[in-house]
Amino acid sequence: TGSTKSRMDKSGVKGGMRVAVMGVKDPTLSAELAEKGAVPVTALADLDLLFYAADNAAELARVGALAPLLAEKGALWIVSTKGKAATVKGVEVMAAAKAHGLTDNKVVAFSPTHTSQRFTRRKVEPEAAPEPGA
């Protein structure tokens, strides 16, 4: 039983969002984003959503440079090949993102051949008083 939600709905795409796509080879992605009213941007800053293709260690290593491009509540969707053809594992994608202060909070089947994982900036907790007896 598949969901009736489109991948744009699952990905949280809403009208007026500032969205960028890097390296994702998908014939209908741009049209789907436009249909939702997302605003494609080439100035990579203050992004609501960034779809980024990562299928090797070098591409995962760039995640650190991508995190600062996100708006405060922005999300990075790392799109990678799934199944037997996968060249990076989900745990590797998670480790790369977490190393740069991002936290994973959703996985979506992006296409029959690709999966996407959503990462957002870790919420910075206010400085708490030390625990008694710490």
Foldseek 3Di string as FASTA:
>chain_A
DDDPDDVCVVVVQAADFEEEEEPDDDPCVVVVNVVRNYDYDPPQAQGQEYEYEDQDPVSLLCLLVNQRSHRQNHKYKYKFFDDPPGNDDPVRSQVSNVVNQWHWDDKAQPDPGMIITIIHHDDDDPDDDDDVPD
